[in-house]
Amino acid sequence: TPLARSVTVTSLAPLIDSSNATPLSWQAIVDDLRAHAAAGGTGVIVVAGQGTRARILERLRDAGHIRHWGVSNFALADMKELLAAGGWRCAANQVLYNLGRRGPEWDLLPWLAARSIPAMAYSPIEQGRLAAHPELRRIGATLGLSAAQLALAWVLAQGDDRVPIPGTRRIPTLEQNAAAVDLVLTPDLVAQIFTGRITPDNRAFADDLMARARAAGIGDRVRF
């Protein structure tokens, strides 16, 4: 029986029992996850190192405590390290990916696709900003679609291995999002979208990109 609806394994610190500052036993891990399951919550395991993370998740899977496991925000180097450590059964990598955030296309997404590891695209509507984008709204209005539906359909059109996971609190919005699955973007429509230079279109987005570029040592090559 699965122990919890979801299990989060982070790398913030070694796996430690705060009560006695000693490494937790396997049974302690299972007991902790069982307690989270009873409360309907998410189990959290804190470990150090990709190898330890992969071994714990694989053991939980083999024991039937979880069905599948995946990772979030893993860059290409992280994924390579994970698979080298035995994490080849990773079911998905959840990454920030949408019309205005296409960086993963350079290296990460092709690498995942070559290994049949799906990419779960979180924030596919850029926390609502793409739903209000003038160009997307203009194109959508000519087709009887919302800008959000176009943004979701675009992610889906990139391949069967890319799955958008939009968040919503309202049933009507959920139904509109679900309808995007049936939309087919023609080459002409895709061309219209790219001609409109779809981006989140805010200063915070540009500042974030510049900070990442400087951290990577390529700030002098970035222009907006």
Protein backbone atom coordinates (compact mmCIF):
# COMPACT_ATOMS: atom_id res chain seq x y z
CA THR A 1 0.00 0.00 0.00
CA PRO A 2 1.45 3.40 -0.92
CA LEU A 3 2.58 5.28 2.17
CA ALA A 4 1.81 8.81 1.03
CA ARG A 5 0.19 10.66 -1.84
CA SER A 6 3.59 12.16 -2.59
CA VAL A 7 7.10 11.98 -1.22
CA THR A 8 9.59 14.84 -1.39
CA VAL A 9 13.28 14.04 -1.16
CA THR A 10 15.49 17.12 -0.84
CA SER A 11 19.22 17.64 -0.47
CA LEU A 12 19.28 20.42 2.12
CA ALA A 13 21.12 18.39 4.76
CA PRO A 14 22.07 14.80 5.63
CA LEU A 15 19.26 12.52 6.72
CA ILE A 16 19.31 13.16 10.47
CA ASP A 17 16.99 12.44 13.40
CA SER A 18 16.92 15.75 15.27
CA SER A 19 16.18 13.98 18.56
CA ASN A 20 19.54 12.23 18.75
CA ALA A 21 21.54 13.59 15.79
CA THR A 22 22.08 10.13 14.30
CA PRO A 23 21.22 8.88 10.79
CA LEU A 24 17.63 7.69 10.51
CA SER A 25 17.05 4.01 9.97
CA TRP A 26 15.04 2.61 7.07
CA GLN A 27 12.18 1.80 9.43
CA ALA A 28 12.20 5.38 10.71
CA ILE A 29 11.80 6.61 7.13
CA VAL A 30 8.86 4.27 6.51
CA ASP A 31 7.23 5.18 9.84
CA ASP A 32 7.57 8.89 9.07
CA LEU A 33 6.00 8.51 5.63
CA ARG A 34 3.19 6.40 7.08
CA ALA A 35 2.44 9.20 9.56
CA HIS A 36 2.27 11.73 6.73
CA ALA A 37 -0.03 9.43 4.77
CA ALA A 38 -2.40 9.14 7.73
CA ALA A 39 -2.56 12.92 7.87
CA GLY A 40 -3.11 13.15 4.09
CA GLY A 41 0.08 15.09 3.62
CA THR A 42 3.38 14.90 1.77
CA GLY A 43 6.27 12.90 3.15
CA VAL A 44 9.59 14.77 3.25
CA ILE A 45 12.96 13.03 3.37
CA VAL A 46 16.09 15.16 3.64
CA VAL A 47 19.27 13.56 2.29
CA ALA A 48 22.71 14.46 1.01
CA GLY A 49 23.84 13.29 -2.43
CA GLN A 50 22.17 12.01 -5.58
CA GLY A 51 23.21 8.45 -4.88
CA THR A 52 21.48 8.39 -1.49
CA ARG A 53 18.40 10.03 -2.96
CA ALA A 54 18.15 7.50 -5.77
CA ARG A 55 18.68 4.53 -3.46
CA ILE A 56 15.96 5.65 -1.03
CA LEU A 57 13.42 6.29 -3.77
CA GLU A 58 14.20 3.03 -5.55
CA ARG A 59 13.89 1.08 -2.31
CA LEU A 60 10.54 2.75 -1.55
CA ARG A 61 9.39 1.84 -5.05
CA ASP A 62 10.57 -1.76 -4.87
CA ALA A 63 8.87 -2.19 -1.50
CA GLY A 64 5.57 -0.94 -2.98
CA HIS A 65 5.43 2.17 -0.80
CA ILE A 66 5.40 4.49 -3.84
CA ARG A 67 4.45 3.73 -7.44
CA HIS A 68 6.76 6.16 -9.22
CA TRP A 69 9.12 8.99 -8.39
CA GLY A 70 10.41 12.06 -10.16
CA VAL A 71 12.46 15.19 -9.58
CA SER A 72 11.94 18.93 -9.84
CA ASN A 73 14.14 21.71 -11.22
CA PHE A 74 16.97 19.34 -12.14
CA ALA A 75 19.35 20.88 -14.68
CA LEU A 76 21.15 18.68 -17.21
CA ALA A 77 24.15 18.14 -14.93
CA ASP A 78 21.83 17.11 -12.08
CA MET A 79 20.01 14.61 -14.28
CA LYS A 80 23.25 13.08 -15.52
CA GLU A 81 24.46 12.68 -11.94
CA LEU A 82 21.14 11.17 -10.87
CA LEU A 83 21.10 8.54 -13.61
CA ALA A 84 24.77 7.74 -13.05
CA ALA A 85 23.90 7.12 -9.39
CA GLY A 86 21.23 4.57 -10.32
CA GLY A 87 18.21 6.80 -10.79
CA TRP A 88 17.40 5.59 -14.29
CA ARG A 89 13.75 4.88 -13.34
CA CYS A 90 13.09 8.58 -12.70
CA ALA A 91 9.56 9.09 -14.05
CA ALA A 92 9.67 12.84 -14.75
CA ASN A 93 11.53 16.10 -14.26
CA GLN A 94 9.37 19.07 -13.33
CA VAL A 95 10.80 22.29 -14.82
CA LEU A 96 9.78 25.88 -15.48
CA TYR A 97 8.80 25.90 -19.16
CA ASN A 98 6.37 27.99 -21.19
CA LEU A 99 6.23 30.28 -24.21
CA GLY A 100 8.37 32.86 -22.46
CA ARG A 101 10.73 30.48 -20.67
CA ARG A 102 12.27 28.25 -23.32
CA GLY A 103 15.77 27.82 -21.92
CA PRO A 104 15.34 24.07 -21.23
CA GLU A 105 15.02 23.51 -25.00
CA TRP A 106 18.75 24.07 -25.50
CA ASP A 107 19.98 20.95 -23.78
CA LEU A 108 17.80 19.53 -21.00
CA LEU A 109 14.60 18.71 -22.91
CA PRO A 110 16.33 16.91 -25.83
CA TRP A 111 18.37 14.89 -23.32
CA LEU A 112 15.25 13.90 -21.37
CA ALA A 113 13.39 12.99 -24.57
CA ALA A 114 16.26 10.76 -25.72
CA ARG A 115 15.85 8.80 -22.48
CA SER A 116 12.03 8.75 -22.49
CA ILE A 117 11.82 10.89 -19.35
CA PRO A 118 8.81 13.27 -19.56
CA ALA A 119 9.13 16.94 -18.66
CA MET A 120 6.36 18.34 -16.48
CA ALA A 121 6.07 22.04 -17.34
CA TYR A 122 5.07 23.98 -14.27
CA SER A 123 3.84 27.58 -14.53
CA PRO A 124 2.87 27.01 -18.20
CA ILE A 125 0.83 30.25 -18.12
CA GLU A 126 3.57 32.13 -16.22
CA GLN A 127 1.40 32.51 -13.11
CA GLY A 128 -1.35 34.08 -15.18
CA ARG A 129 0.78 36.62 -17.03
CA LEU A 130 0.54 34.82 -20.37
CA ALA A 131 -3.25 34.68 -19.96
CA ALA A 132 -3.21 38.47 -20.10
CA HIS A 133 -0.64 38.80 -22.88
CA PRO A 134 -2.04 41.17 -25.56
CA GLU A 135 -0.80 39.18 -28.55
CA LEU A 136 -2.04 35.85 -27.25
CA ARG A 137 -5.40 37.41 -26.42
CA ARG A 138 -5.64 38.91 -29.91
CA ILE A 139 -4.85 35.59 -31.62
CA GLY A 140 -7.16 33.69 -29.31
CA ALA A 141 -10.05 36.07 -29.92
CA THR A 142 -9.97 35.27 -33.66
CA LEU A 143 -10.33 31.56 -32.83
CA GLY A 144 -12.75 31.73 -29.93
CA LEU A 145 -10.00 30.65 -27.52
CA SER A 146 -8.49 32.18 -24.42
CA ALA A 147 -4.84 33.22 -24.23
CA ALA A 148 -4.33 30.62 -21.50
CA GLN A 149 -5.64 27.84 -23.76
CA LEU A 150 -3.19 28.88 -26.47
CA ALA A 151 -0.30 28.87 -24.02
CA LEU A 152 -1.20 25.38 -22.80
CA ALA A 153 -1.75 24.06 -26.32
CA TRP A 154 1.68 25.38 -27.30
CA VAL A 155 3.38 23.34 -24.56
CA LEU A 156 1.42 20.24 -25.55
CA ALA A 157 2.36 20.76 -29.20
CA GLN A 158 6.07 20.51 -28.36
CA GLY A 159 5.78 16.74 -27.95
CA ASP A 160 4.03 13.97 -26.08
CA ASP A 161 6.79 14.03 -23.47
CA ARG A 162 5.99 17.61 -22.33
CA VAL A 163 3.07 17.92 -19.95
CA PRO A 164 1.84 21.31 -18.67
CA ILE A 165 0.56 21.36 -15.09
CA PRO A 166 -1.39 24.62 -14.64
CA GLY A 167 -2.86 25.47 -11.28
CA THR A 168 -6.38 26.75 -10.76
CA ARG A 169 -8.91 27.23 -7.98
CA ARG A 170 -12.07 27.42 -10.10
CA ILE A 171 -13.95 24.66 -11.94
CA PRO A 172 -14.69 26.80 -15.09
CA THR A 173 -10.97 27.56 -15.45
CA LEU A 174 -10.14 23.89 -14.96
CA GLU A 175 -12.54 22.96 -17.74
CA GLN A 176 -11.05 25.57 -20.08
CA ASN A 177 -7.55 24.30 -19.33
CA ALA A 178 -8.59 20.71 -20.00
CA ALA A 179 -10.06 21.73 -23.36
CA ALA A 180 -6.59 22.80 -24.49
CA VAL A 181 -5.69 19.11 -24.84
CA ASP A 182 -7.87 18.90 -27.95
CA LEU A 183 -6.44 22.00 -29.63
CA VAL A 184 -4.13 21.52 -32.60
CA LEU A 185 -1.79 24.40 -33.42
CA THR A 186 -1.21 24.75 -37.16
CA PRO A 187 2.17 25.94 -38.46
CA ASP A 188 0.55 29.28 -39.42
CA LEU A 189 -0.76 29.74 -35.89
CA VAL A 190 2.60 28.92 -34.37
CA ALA A 191 4.17 31.46 -36.72
CA GLN A 192 1.70 34.11 -35.52
CA ILE A 193 2.56 33.39 -31.90
CA PHE A 194 6.30 33.66 -32.48
CA THR A 195 5.93 36.79 -34.61
CA GLY A 196 4.30 38.36 -31.58
CA ARG A 197 7.44 37.66 -29.51
CA ILE A 198 5.54 36.11 -26.61
CA THR A 199 7.32 36.74 -23.31
CA PRO A 200 6.13 37.25 -19.74
CA ASP A 201 6.75 40.94 -20.54
CA ASN A 202 7.67 42.29 -17.13
CA ARG A 203 10.75 43.78 -15.54
CA ALA A 204 11.04 41.07 -12.91
CA PHE A 205 11.38 38.45 -15.64
CA ALA A 206 14.19 40.39 -17.34
CA ASP A 207 15.96 40.99 -14.03
CA ASP A 208 15.77 37.29 -13.20
CA LEU A 209 17.25 36.30 -16.56
CA MET A 210 20.07 38.82 -16.19
CA ALA A 211 20.90 37.60 -12.68
CA ARG A 212 21.08 34.00 -13.94
CA ALA A 213 23.26 35.06 -16.87
CA ARG A 214 25.68 36.93 -14.59
CA ALA A 215 25.86 33.96 -12.24
CA ALA A 216 26.76 31.79 -15.24
CA GLY A 217 29.44 34.26 -16.33
CA ILE A 218 27.69 35.28 -19.56
CA GLY A 219 26.03 38.51 -18.46
CA ASP A 220 27.92 40.52 -21.09
CA ARG A 221 26.23 38.46 -23.84
CA VAL A 222 22.62 39.03 -22.75
CA ARG A 223 20.59 41.85 -24.28
CA PHE A 224 16.90 42.77 -23.99
